PDB file of N, CA and C in Angstrom:
ATOM      1  N   MET A   1      -0.599 -63.239 -19.614  1.00  0.00           N
ATOM      2  CA  MET A   1       0.382 -62.414 -18.946  1.00  0.00           C
ATOM      3  C   MET A   1       1.739 -63.098 -18.838  1.00  0.00           C
ATOM      4  N   GLY A   2       1.729 -64.418 -18.903  1.00  0.00           N
ATOM      5  CA  GLY A   2       3.002 -65.128 -18.853  1.00  0.00           C
ATOM      6  C   GLY A   2       3.868 -64.834 -20.062  1.00  0.00           C
ATOM      7  N   LEU A   3       3.224 -64.460 -21.176  1.00  0.00           N
ATOM      8  CA  LEU A   3       3.965 -64.146 -22.394  1.00  0.00           C
ATOM      9  C   LEU A   3       4.891 -62.947 -22.189  1.00  0.00           C
ATOM     10  N   VAL A   4       4.428 -61.952 -21.440  1.00  0.00           N
ATOM     11  CA  VAL A   4       5.258 -60.773 -21.166  1.00  0.00           C
ATOM     12  C   VAL A   4       6.494 -61.179 -20.378  1.00  0.00           C
ATOM     13  N   ILE A   5       6.313 -62.047 -19.414  1.00  0.00           N
ATOM     14  CA  ILE A   5       7.437 -62.481 -18.582  1.00  0.00           C
ATOM     15  C   ILE A   5       8.436 -63.268 -19.413  1.00  0.00           C
ATOM     16  N   ILE A   6       7.941 -64.164 -20.265  1.00  0.00           N
ATOM     17  CA  ILE A   6       8.832 -64.950 -21.121  1.00  0.00           C
ATOM     18  C   ILE A   6       9.590 -64.049 -22.083  1.00  0.00           C
ATOM     19  N   PHE A   7       8.894 -63.110 -22.720  1.00  0.00           N
ATOM     20  CA  PHE A   7       9.559 -62.174 -23.639  1.00  0.00           C
ATOM     21  C   PHE A   7      10.614 -61.346 -22.903  1.00  0.00           C
ATOM     22  N   ALA A   8      10.312 -60.914 -21.685  1.00  0.00           N
ATOM     23  CA  ALA A   8      11.271 -60.104 -20.930  1.00  0.00           C
ATOM     24  C   ALA A   8      12.508 -60.922 -20.567  1.00  0.00           C
ATOM     25  N   ILE A   9      12.321 -62.180 -20.189  1.00  0.00           N
ATOM     26  CA  ILE A   9      13.470 -63.025 -19.858  1.00  0.00           C
ATOM     27  C   ILE A   9      14.332 -63.265 -21.087  1.00  0.00           C
ATOM     28  N   VAL A  10      13.701 -63.545 -22.224  1.00  0.00           N
ATOM     29  CA  VAL A  10      14.458 -63.761 -23.463  1.00  0.00           C
ATOM     30  C   VAL A  10      15.187 -62.482 -23.861  1.00  0.00           C
ATOM     31  N   THR A  11      14.573 -61.325 -23.662  1.00  0.00           N
ATOM     32  CA  THR A  11      15.221 -60.052 -23.983  1.00  0.00           C
ATOM     33  C   THR A  11      16.472 -59.838 -23.140  1.00  0.00           C
ATOM     34  N   VAL A  12      16.363 -60.103 -21.856  1.00  0.00           N
ATOM     35  CA  VAL A  12      17.521 -59.940 -20.971  1.00  0.00           C
ATOM     36  C   VAL A  12      18.633 -60.916 -21.340  1.00  0.00           C
ATOM     37  N   LEU A  13      18.272 -62.165 -21.626  1.00  0.00           N
ATOM     38  CA  LEU A  13      19.282 -63.151 -22.010  1.00  0.00           C
ATOM     39  C   LEU A  13      19.924 -62.811 -23.349  1.00  0.00           C
ATOM     40  N   ALA A  14      19.156 -62.271 -24.292  1.00  0.00           N
ATOM     41  CA  ALA A  14      19.712 -61.864 -25.581  1.00  0.00           C
ATOM     42  C   ALA A  14      20.671 -60.690 -25.412  1.00  0.00           C
ATOM     43  N   ALA A  15      20.340 -59.765 -24.523  1.00  0.00           N
ATOM     44  CA  ALA A  15      21.234 -58.641 -24.260  1.00  0.00           C
ATOM     45  C   ALA A  15      22.548 -59.137 -23.658  1.00  0.00           C
ATOM     46  N   PHE A  16      22.441 -60.060 -22.699  1.00  0.00           N
ATOM     47  CA  PHE A  16      23.638 -60.623 -22.093  1.00  0.00           C
ATOM     48  C   PHE A  16      24.473 -61.384 -23.121  1.00  0.00           C
ATOM     49  N   GLY A  17      23.824 -62.181 -23.966  1.00  0.00           N
ATOM     50  CA  GLY A  17      24.536 -62.943 -24.991  1.00  0.00           C
ATOM     51  C   GLY A  17      25.185 -62.059 -26.030  1.00  0.00           C
ATOM     52  N   GLY A  18      24.488 -61.014 -26.450  1.00  0.00           N
ATOM     53  CA  GLY A  18      25.062 -60.082 -27.420  1.00  0.00           C
ATOM     54  C   GLY A  18      26.264 -59.340 -26.854  1.00  0.00           C
ATOM     55  N   PHE A  19      26.159 -58.914 -25.600  1.00  0.00           N
ATOM     56  CA  PHE A  19      27.283 -58.225 -24.963  1.00  0.00           C
ATOM     57  C   PHE A  19      28.475 -59.159 -24.780  1.00  0.00           C
ATOM     58  N   SER A  20      28.196 -60.379 -24.371  1.00  0.00           N
ATOM     59  CA  SER A  20      29.257 -61.369 -24.192  1.00  0.00           C
ATOM     60  C   SER A  20      29.952 -61.683 -25.519  1.00  0.00           C
ATOM     61  N   ALA A  21      29.178 -61.801 -26.577  1.00  0.00           N
ATOM     62  CA  ALA A  21      29.755 -62.074 -27.892  1.00  0.00           C
ATOM     63  C   ALA A  21      30.590 -60.893 -28.377  1.00  0.00           C
ATOM     64  N   LEU A  22      30.128 -59.672 -28.111  1.00  0.00           N
ATOM     65  CA  LEU A  22      30.930 -58.500 -28.481  1.00  0.00           C
ATOM     66  C   LEU A  22      32.241 -58.462 -27.709  1.00  0.00           C
ATOM     67  N   LYS A  23      32.177 -58.816 -26.440  1.00  0.00           N
ATOM     68  CA  LYS A  23      33.378 -58.828 -25.608  1.00  0.00           C
ATOM     69  C   LYS A  23      34.388 -59.850 -26.108  1.00  0.00           C
ATOM     70  N   ASN A  24      33.890 -60.979 -26.623  1.00  0.00           N
ATOM     71  CA  ASN A  24      34.764 -62.030 -27.152  1.00  0.00           C
ATOM     72  C   ASN A  24      35.108 -61.836 -28.626  1.00  0.00           C
ATOM     73  N   LYS A  25      34.652 -60.730 -29.224  1.00  0.00           N
ATOM     74  CA  LYS A  25      34.888 -60.385 -30.623  1.00  0.00           C
ATOM     75  C   LYS A  25      34.315 -61.427 -31.582  1.00  0.00           C
ATOM     76  N   ASN A  26      33.188 -61.999 -31.193  1.00  0.00           N
ATOM     77  CA  ASN A  26      32.453 -62.932 -32.042  1.00  0.00           C
ATOM     78  C   ASN A  26      31.377 -62.126 -32.763  1.00  0.00           C
ATOM     79  N   LEU A  27      31.679 -61.677 -33.980  1.00  0.00           N
ATOM     80  CA  LEU A  27      30.790 -60.742 -34.662  1.00  0.00           C
ATOM     81  C   LEU A  27      29.462 -61.367 -35.079  1.00  0.00           C
ATOM     82  N   LEU A  28      29.485 -62.610 -35.528  1.00  0.00           N
ATOM     83  CA  LEU A  28      28.235 -63.256 -35.917  1.00  0.00           C
ATOM     84  C   LEU A  28      27.335 -63.477 -34.701  1.00  0.00           C
ATOM     85  N   GLY A  29      27.915 -63.926 -33.609  1.00  0.00           N
ATOM     86  CA  GLY A  29      27.146 -64.097 -32.380  1.00  0.00           C
ATOM     87  C   GLY A  29      26.620 -62.774 -31.851  1.00  0.00           C
ATOM     88  N   ALA A  30      27.427 -61.728 -31.969  1.00  0.00           N
ATOM     89  CA  ALA A  30      27.001 -60.408 -31.515  1.00  0.00           C
ATOM     90  C   ALA A  30      25.844 -59.899 -32.369  1.00  0.00           C
ATOM     91  N   PHE A  31      25.923 -60.129 -33.672  1.00  0.00           N
ATOM     92  CA  PHE A  31      24.834 -59.713 -34.558  1.00  0.00           C
ATOM     93  C   PHE A  31      23.521 -60.381 -34.173  1.00  0.00           C
ATOM     94  N   TRP A  32      23.549 -61.706 -33.992  1.00  0.00           N
ATOM     95  CA  TRP A  32      22.328 -62.422 -33.657  1.00  0.00           C
ATOM     96  C   TRP A  32      21.846 -62.073 -32.248  1.00  0.00           C
ATOM     97  N   GLY A  33      22.766 -61.837 -31.331  1.00  0.00           N
ATOM     98  CA  GLY A  33      22.370 -61.441 -29.984  1.00  0.00           C
ATOM     99  C   GLY A  33      21.689 -60.082 -29.968  1.00  0.00           C
ATOM    100  N   VAL A  34      22.272 -59.127 -30.690  1.00  0.00           N
ATOM    101  CA  VAL A  34      21.681 -57.786 -30.741  1.00  0.00           C
ATOM    102  C   VAL A  34      20.367 -57.811 -31.518  1.00  0.00           C
ATOM    103  N   ALA A  35      20.314 -58.584 -32.612  1.00  0.00           N
ATOM    104  CA  ALA A  35      19.074 -58.689 -33.382  1.00  0.00           C
ATOM    105  C   ALA A  35      17.968 -59.322 -32.530  1.00  0.00           C
ATOM    106  N   SER A  36      18.301 -60.358 -31.774  1.00  0.00           N
ATOM    107  CA  SER A  36      17.318 -60.991 -30.893  1.00  0.00           C
ATOM    108  C   SER A  36      16.869 -60.020 -29.808  1.00  0.00           C
ATOM    109  N   PHE A  37      17.806 -59.260 -29.273  1.00  0.00           N
ATOM    110  CA  PHE A  37      17.470 -58.262 -28.259  1.00  0.00           C
ATOM    111  C   PHE A  37      16.483 -57.236 -28.807  1.00  0.00           C
ATOM    112  N   LEU A  38      16.730 -56.759 -30.021  1.00  0.00           N
ATOM    113  CA  LEU A  38      15.840 -55.760 -30.608  1.00  0.00           C
ATOM    114  C   LEU A  38      14.455 -56.334 -30.896  1.00  0.00           C
ATOM    115  N   VAL A  39      14.405 -57.517 -31.484  1.00  0.00           N
ATOM    116  CA  VAL A  39      13.115 -58.117 -31.842  1.00  0.00           C
ATOM    117  C   VAL A  39      12.318 -58.472 -30.592  1.00  0.00           C
ATOM    118  N   PHE A  40      12.929 -59.191 -29.658  1.00  0.00           N
ATOM    119  CA  PHE A  40      12.189 -59.589 -28.463  1.00  0.00           C
ATOM    120  C   PHE A  40      11.913 -58.404 -27.545  1.00  0.00           C
ATOM    121  N   GLY A  41      12.789 -57.412 -27.552  1.00  0.00           N
ATOM    122  CA  GLY A  41      12.511 -56.189 -26.806  1.00  0.00           C
ATOM    123  C   GLY A  41      11.291 -55.469 -27.350  1.00  0.00           C
ATOM    124  N   TRP A  42      11.185 -55.428 -28.680  1.00  0.00           N
ATOM    125  CA  TRP A  42      10.011 -54.819 -29.316  1.00  0.00           C
ATOM    126  C   TRP A  42       8.747 -55.607 -28.958  1.00  0.00           C
ATOM    127  N   PHE A  43       8.824 -56.943 -29.011  1.00  0.00           N
ATOM    128  CA  PHE A  43       7.679 -57.764 -28.633  1.00  0.00           C
ATOM    129  C   PHE A  43       7.292 -57.508 -27.180  1.00  0.00           C
ATOM    130  N   THR A  44       8.275 -57.374 -26.310  1.00  0.00           N
ATOM    131  CA  THR A  44       7.999 -57.137 -24.891  1.00  0.00           C
ATOM    132  C   THR A  44       7.270 -55.818 -24.692  1.00  0.00           C
ATOM    133  N   VAL A  45       7.789 -54.764 -25.300  1.00  0.00           N
ATOM    134  CA  VAL A  45       7.186 -53.433 -25.135  1.00  0.00           C
ATOM    135  C   VAL A  45       5.777 -53.418 -25.708  1.00  0.00           C
ATOM    136  N   MET A  46       5.602 -53.970 -26.893  1.00  0.00           N
ATOM    137  CA  MET A  46       4.277 -53.943 -27.515  1.00  0.00           C
ATOM    138  C   MET A  46       3.272 -54.817 -26.761  1.00  0.00           C
ATOM    139  N   THR A  47       3.717 -55.941 -26.206  1.00  0.00           N
ATOM    140  CA  THR A  47       2.810 -56.790 -25.430  1.00  0.00           C
ATOM    141  C   THR A  47       2.403 -56.093 -24.142  1.00  0.00           C
ATOM    142  N   ILE A  48       3.325 -55.385 -23.504  1.00  0.00           N
ATOM    143  CA  ILE A  48       2.982 -54.634 -22.295  1.00  0.00           C
ATOM    144  C   ILE A  48       1.995 -53.520 -22.627  1.00  0.00           C
ATOM    145  N   LEU A  49       2.215 -52.824 -23.751  1.00  0.00           N
ATOM    146  CA  LEU A  49       1.294 -51.749 -24.120  1.00  0.00           C
ATOM    147  C   LEU A  49      -0.087 -52.285 -24.489  1.00  0.00           C
ATOM    148  N   LYS A  50      -0.147 -53.445 -25.122  1.00  0.00           N
ATOM    149  CA  LYS A  50      -1.435 -54.004 -25.551  1.00  0.00           C
ATOM    150  C   LYS A  50      -2.166 -54.711 -24.419  1.00  0.00           C
ATOM    151  N   SER A  51      -1.464 -55.551 -23.658  1.00  0.00           N
ATOM    152  CA  SER A  51      -2.113 -56.376 -22.641  1.00  0.00           C
ATOM    153  C   SER A  51      -1.950 -55.855 -21.230  1.00  0.00           C
ATOM    154  N   GLY A  52      -1.058 -54.933 -21.027  1.00  0.00           N
ATOM    155  CA  GLY A  52      -0.834 -54.411 -19.685  1.00  0.00           C
ATOM    156  C   GLY A  52       0.253 -55.183 -18.957  1.00  0.00           C
ATOM    157  N   PHE A  53       0.691 -54.636 -17.870  1.00  0.00           N
ATOM    158  CA  PHE A  53       1.747 -55.239 -17.070  1.00  0.00           C
ATOM    159  C   PHE A  53       1.155 -56.341 -16.215  1.00  0.00           C
ATOM    160  N   PRO A  54       1.831 -57.508 -16.113  1.00  0.00           N
ATOM    161  CA  PRO A  54       1.264 -58.600 -15.304  1.00  0.00           C
ATOM    162  C   PRO A  54       1.266 -58.248 -13.817  1.00  0.00           C
ATOM    163  N   THR A  55       0.122 -58.446 -13.176  1.00  0.00           N
ATOM    164  CA  THR A  55      -0.006 -58.097 -11.764  1.00  0.00           C
ATOM    165  C   THR A  55       0.148 -59.303 -10.852  1.00  0.00           C
ATOM    166  N   GLY A  56      -0.018 -60.512 -11.387  1.00  0.00           N
ATOM    167  CA  GLY A  56       0.094 -61.702 -10.575  1.00  0.00           C
ATOM    168  C   GLY A  56      -1.221 -62.148  -9.969  1.00  0.00           C
ATOM    169  N   THR A  57      -2.297 -61.404 -10.251  1.00  0.00           N
ATOM    170  CA  THR A  57      -3.622 -61.794  -9.756  1.00  0.00           C
ATOM    171  C   THR A  57      -4.538 -62.033 -10.960  1.00  0.00           C
ATOM    172  N   HIS A  58      -5.617 -62.727 -10.719  1.00  0.00           N
ATOM    173  CA  HIS A  58      -6.545 -63.044 -11.811  1.00  0.00           C
ATOM    174  C   HIS A  58      -7.501 -61.948 -11.915  1.00  0.00           C
TER     175      HIS A  58
END
């Protein structure tokens, strides 16, 4: 379940980085930020659908 949390944190950070790079007109950084957001966002959604949402209990 920790994998879902890690993927979600990376997704949020990639979204922030991609937006920041777009704001600074850094096109290469924006490309990699948006690409990372899409890939890790997909991993997050698919991991939640396959393993379920982490509840914090065993």
